[in-house]
C-alpha cells in the first residue's frame, strides 16, 4: 500500500511514523509513505498557499492551484483514491479500514488547514474522510489515523495475524479483558478460569465477557449485534 500525503507540515509525520510497528512496516516496505508539500508548487515569491475568502468572513482559505499541482505531480495508480480529510466526511471506522486496505493500492490524503479548502478542489477528490463530529486544527491527525489503521491490517505488520481478528469491533463486539503475570497483584487475582487450561471453557468465558462489556459500555453496538445475529 502506498500513501501519498499532501501536507503543509511534513514534519508532523516524522515521529509517529518512525516508531513502533509503523516504523517496522515501513522499513519492510509493507507500506510506503510519500509526502508532498503544496507550498513547493506555488509560483509567487512569498509561496502563498492561502488567501481571503470571497464574500468575506473570518479565516483564510487554502488556494486550489498548489493543491491541484501537488496531486497532479504524483504517479498514477490503477487502484487509487484521493481522500480529503474533512469534518464533513464519512467517519473513520473498522469497516472503512478494511475497505480501503482491500480495494486500493494507493491513497492520496489531502490535509486541510485554516478555515477550509477552496471548493474547486472537490473536483479531484473521490471522498471526504472525518475522524468524528468535531473540528481539529489540521487534517494531519485523521490522515495519520487512517495510515495507522490500514497499515496495521496489511500482512506482515502485526506479528500474529490472528490477533487482528480478536480485536474490538471485528465481530461486532468489544474485546474481552486480558491478564498477564503476576497471578495476583495488590489483592486482585486473575480469574481462575484463565489458569484452568480448559480452552473450551476459556473461550466461552471470553465470549460472555465480550457480550457483558459491549452491553454495558456500548449498548448501541450490542443492540446492533443482536439484530445482526438474529437476522
Protein backbone atom coordinates (compact mmCIF):
# COMPACT_ATOMS: atom_id res chain seq x y z
CA UNK A 1 0.00 0.00 0.00
CA UNK A 2 1.29 3.45 -0.94
CA UNK A 3 0.19 6.57 0.88
CA UNK A 4 0.73 10.00 -0.68
CA UNK A 5 0.21 12.78 1.85
CA UNK A 6 -0.47 16.32 0.67
CA UNK A 7 0.51 18.45 3.64
CA UNK A 8 1.91 21.86 4.53
CA UNK A 9 3.62 20.33 7.58
CA UNK A 10 5.72 17.28 6.58
CA UNK A 11 7.46 17.17 9.97
CA UNK A 12 4.14 16.27 11.62
CA UNK A 13 4.58 12.67 10.45
CA UNK A 14 8.25 12.17 11.34
CA UNK A 15 7.90 10.87 14.90
CA UNK A 16 4.66 8.82 14.62
CA UNK A 17 5.89 7.00 11.51
CA UNK A 18 9.35 6.47 12.95
CA UNK A 19 8.47 4.32 15.94
CA UNK A 20 6.72 1.07 16.85
CA UNK A 21 5.00 -1.21 14.37
CA UNK A 22 4.60 1.61 11.85
CA UNK A 23 8.37 2.06 11.64
CA UNK A 24 8.87 -1.67 11.11
CA UNK A 25 6.14 -1.88 8.47
CA UNK A 26 7.68 0.98 6.51
CA UNK A 27 11.18 -0.49 6.87
CA UNK A 28 9.91 -3.78 5.38
CA UNK A 29 8.03 -1.78 2.70
CA UNK A 30 4.73 -3.36 3.68
CA UNK A 31 3.53 0.20 3.18
CA UNK A 32 5.25 3.28 1.82
CA UNK A 33 4.58 6.92 2.70
CA UNK A 34 5.41 9.78 0.36
CA UNK A 35 4.92 13.40 1.41
CA UNK A 36 4.26 16.29 -0.97
CA UNK A 37 4.11 19.90 0.18
CA UNK A 38 1.75 22.16 -1.81
CA UNK A 39 3.96 25.09 -0.94
CA UNK A 40 6.58 23.68 -3.29
CA UNK A 41 4.17 24.26 -6.19
CA UNK A 42 3.45 27.93 -5.58
CA UNK A 43 4.61 30.38 -8.22
CA UNK A 44 4.70 33.66 -6.27
CA UNK A 45 7.77 34.85 -4.38
CA UNK A 46 6.03 34.53 -0.99
CA UNK A 47 4.97 30.90 -1.63
CA UNK A 48 1.42 31.78 -0.69
CA UNK A 49 -0.93 28.79 -0.16
CA UNK A 50 -3.94 30.60 1.33
CA UNK A 51 -6.00 33.71 0.70
CA UNK A 52 -9.06 35.61 1.92
CA UNK A 53 -12.49 34.15 1.30
CA UNK A 54 -14.68 35.55 -1.47
CA UNK A 55 -17.80 37.05 0.11
CA UNK A 56 -16.00 37.92 3.31
CA UNK A 57 -15.85 36.06 6.58
CA UNK A 58 -13.23 35.07 9.12
CA UNK A 59 -10.24 32.87 8.43
CA UNK A 60 -8.16 32.07 5.39
CA UNK A 61 -8.89 29.51 2.67
CA UNK A 62 -6.35 27.18 1.06
CA UNK A 63 -5.83 28.08 -2.60
CA UNK A 64 -6.68 25.49 -5.27
CA UNK A 65 -3.66 25.87 -7.57
CA UNK A 66 -0.95 24.43 -5.24
CA UNK A 67 -3.18 21.50 -4.23
CA UNK A 68 -4.07 20.62 -7.84
CA UNK A 69 -0.40 20.86 -8.84
CA UNK A 70 0.71 18.70 -5.90
CA UNK A 71 -1.81 15.95 -6.65
CA UNK A 72 -1.14 16.04 -10.40
CA UNK A 73 2.60 15.67 -9.79
CA UNK A 74 2.09 12.19 -8.33
CA UNK A 75 2.48 8.97 -10.34
CA UNK A 76 -0.75 7.30 -11.44
CA UNK A 77 -2.04 4.03 -10.00
CA UNK A 78 -4.94 1.96 -11.36
CA UNK A 79 -6.44 1.28 -7.91
CA UNK A 80 -6.19 4.69 -6.27
CA UNK A 81 -8.39 7.19 -4.47
CA UNK A 82 -7.95 10.82 -3.46
CA UNK A 83 -9.25 11.45 0.06
CA UNK A 84 -9.81 14.84 1.68
CA UNK A 85 -9.52 14.92 5.46
CA UNK A 86 -12.65 16.89 6.38
CA UNK A 87 -15.07 17.10 9.35
CA UNK A 88 -17.86 16.88 6.75
CA UNK A 89 -16.75 13.44 5.57
CA UNK A 90 -17.71 9.87 6.42
CA UNK A 91 -16.43 8.75 9.79
CA UNK A 92 -13.36 6.57 10.10
CA UNK A 93 -14.22 3.12 11.46
CA UNK A 94 -13.14 -0.50 11.24
CA UNK A 95 -15.18 -1.15 8.08
CA UNK A 96 -13.51 1.78 6.28
CA UNK A 97 -10.02 0.46 7.14
CA UNK A 98 -10.90 -2.93 5.69
CA UNK A 99 -12.50 -1.45 2.57
CA UNK A 100 -9.57 0.80 1.72
CA UNK A 101 -6.98 -1.88 2.51
CA UNK A 102 -8.76 -4.39 0.29
CA UNK A 103 -9.77 -2.27 -2.68
CA UNK A 104 -6.88 0.15 -3.22
CA UNK A 105 -3.12 0.04 -3.74
CA UNK A 106 -2.59 3.79 -3.28
CA UNK A 107 -4.36 6.51 -1.31
CA UNK A 108 -3.77 10.23 -1.69
CA UNK A 109 -4.56 12.06 1.56
CA UNK A 110 -5.14 15.81 1.36
CA UNK A 111 -4.69 17.53 4.72
CA UNK A 112 -6.63 20.75 5.12
CA UNK A 113 -5.83 23.81 7.24
CA UNK A 114 -7.13 27.26 8.12
CA UNK A 115 -10.84 27.93 7.50
CA UNK A 116 -11.01 25.29 4.79
CA UNK A 117 -10.08 24.42 1.22
CA UNK A 118 -11.27 26.10 -1.98
CA UNK A 119 -14.38 24.17 -3.05
CA UNK A 120 -12.98 23.60 -6.53
CA UNK A 121 -10.52 21.10 -5.05
CA UNK A 122 -13.52 18.77 -4.68
CA UNK A 123 -13.24 18.13 -8.43
CA UNK A 124 -10.21 15.90 -7.79
CA UNK A 125 -11.45 14.39 -4.51
CA UNK A 126 -13.11 10.97 -4.53
CA UNK A 127 -14.43 11.11 -0.96
CA UNK A 128 -14.15 13.04 2.29
CA UNK A 129 -12.98 11.34 5.48
CA UNK A 130 -13.60 12.50 9.05
CA UNK A 131 -12.32 11.43 12.47
CA UNK A 132 -15.63 12.44 14.06
CA UNK A 133 -18.19 15.18 14.55
CA UNK A 134 -15.72 17.83 15.65
CA UNK A 135 -13.19 20.22 14.13
CA UNK A 136 -9.42 19.88 14.54
CA UNK A 137 -6.64 22.34 13.76
CA UNK A 138 -5.39 20.24 10.86
CA UNK A 139 -6.09 17.29 8.60
CA UNK A 140 -2.82 15.57 9.50
CA UNK A 141 -4.34 13.95 12.61
CA UNK A 142 -7.08 11.98 10.78
CA UNK A 143 -4.61 11.23 7.96
CA UNK A 144 -2.21 9.65 10.44
CA UNK A 145 -5.08 7.67 11.96
CA UNK A 146 -6.06 6.36 8.54
CA UNK A 147 -2.49 5.34 7.68
CA UNK A 148 -2.05 3.56 11.01
CA UNK A 149 -5.37 1.72 10.89
CA UNK A 150 -4.90 0.50 7.32
CA UNK A 151 -1.22 -0.45 7.64
CA UNK A 152 -1.99 -2.49 10.74
CA UNK A 153 -4.22 -4.73 8.60
CA UNK A 154 -1.58 -5.36 5.93
CA UNK A 155 0.03 -8.82 6.09
CA UNK A 156 3.32 -8.74 7.97
CA UNK A 157 2.68 -5.64 10.09
CA UNK A 158 1.30 -7.44 13.14
CA UNK A 159 3.33 -10.44 14.27
CA UNK A 160 0.36 -12.76 14.76
CA UNK A 161 -2.30 -12.07 12.16
CA UNK A 162 -4.91 -13.90 14.24
CA UNK A 163 -4.69 -11.19 16.90
CA UNK A 164 -6.27 -8.70 14.49
CA UNK A 165 -9.44 -10.73 14.28
CA UNK A 166 -9.77 -10.87 18.06
CA UNK A 167 -9.82 -7.08 18.36
CA UNK A 168 -12.74 -4.97 19.48
CA UNK A 169 -15.32 -4.41 16.71
CA UNK A 170 -14.05 -7.21 14.45
CA UNK A 171 -17.05 -9.40 15.27
CA UNK A 172 -19.32 -6.54 16.27
CA UNK A 173 -18.42 -6.78 19.96
CA UNK A 174 -15.85 -5.20 22.25
CA UNK A 175 -12.76 -7.18 23.20
CA UNK A 176 -12.64 -9.42 26.29
CA UNK A 177 -10.39 -8.50 29.29
CA UNK A 178 -6.72 -9.53 29.21
CA UNK A 179 -4.42 -10.58 32.07
CA UNK A 180 -0.75 -11.47 32.43
CA UNK A 181 1.69 -12.28 35.25
CA UNK A 182 1.63 -11.95 38.22
CA UNK A 183 -1.42 -14.06 39.02
CA UNK A 184 -2.21 -11.74 41.95
CA UNK A 185 -1.49 -8.01 42.14
CA UNK A 186 -2.49 -5.84 45.11
CA UNK A 187 -5.24 -8.25 46.04
CA UNK A 188 -6.68 -8.58 42.52
CA UNK A 189 -6.44 -12.10 41.15
CA UNK A 190 -6.53 -13.32 37.59
CA UNK A 191 -9.83 -15.19 37.06
CA UNK A 192 -9.31 -18.89 37.84
CA UNK A 193 -10.85 -19.95 34.53
CA UNK A 194 -7.93 -18.40 32.62
CA UNK A 195 -5.45 -20.58 34.52
CA UNK A 196 -7.52 -23.77 34.24
CA UNK A 197 -6.08 -24.95 30.93
CA UNK A 198 -9.61 -25.72 29.70
CA UNK A 199 -9.55 -23.90 26.37
CA UNK A 200 -13.22 -24.57 25.58
CA UNK A 201 -14.39 -23.03 28.84
CA UNK A 202 -11.93 -20.16 28.45
CA UNK A 203 -13.40 -19.41 25.01
CA UNK A 204 -16.91 -19.48 26.45
CA UNK A 205 -15.89 -17.16 29.31
CA UNK A 206 -14.23 -14.71 26.95
CA UNK A 207 -17.25 -14.59 24.66
CA UNK A 208 -19.53 -13.92 27.62
CA UNK A 209 -17.19 -11.14 28.75
CA UNK A 210 -17.45 -9.61 25.27
CA UNK A 211 -21.24 -9.66 25.48
CA UNK A 212 -21.29 -8.19 29.00
CA UNK A 213 -18.76 -5.48 28.20
CA UNK A 214 -20.48 -4.45 24.98
CA UNK A 215 -23.91 -4.33 26.61
CA UNK A 216 -22.54 -2.18 29.47
CA UNK A 217 -20.12 0.11 27.64
CA UNK A 218 -21.66 0.32 24.18
CA UNK A 219 -25.35 -0.60 24.28
CA UNK A 220 -25.71 0.75 20.74
CA UNK A 221 -23.21 -1.81 19.47
CA UNK A 222 -24.83 -4.57 21.49
CA UNK A 223 -28.27 -3.81 20.04
CA UNK A 224 -26.84 -3.89 16.52
CA UNK A 225 -25.03 -7.17 17.24
CA UNK A 226 -28.24 -8.76 18.49
CA UNK A 227 -30.13 -7.56 15.42
CA UNK A 228 -27.41 -8.84 13.07
CA UNK A 229 -27.21 -12.29 14.71
CA UNK A 230 -30.97 -12.71 14.65
CA UNK A 231 -31.44 -11.61 11.04
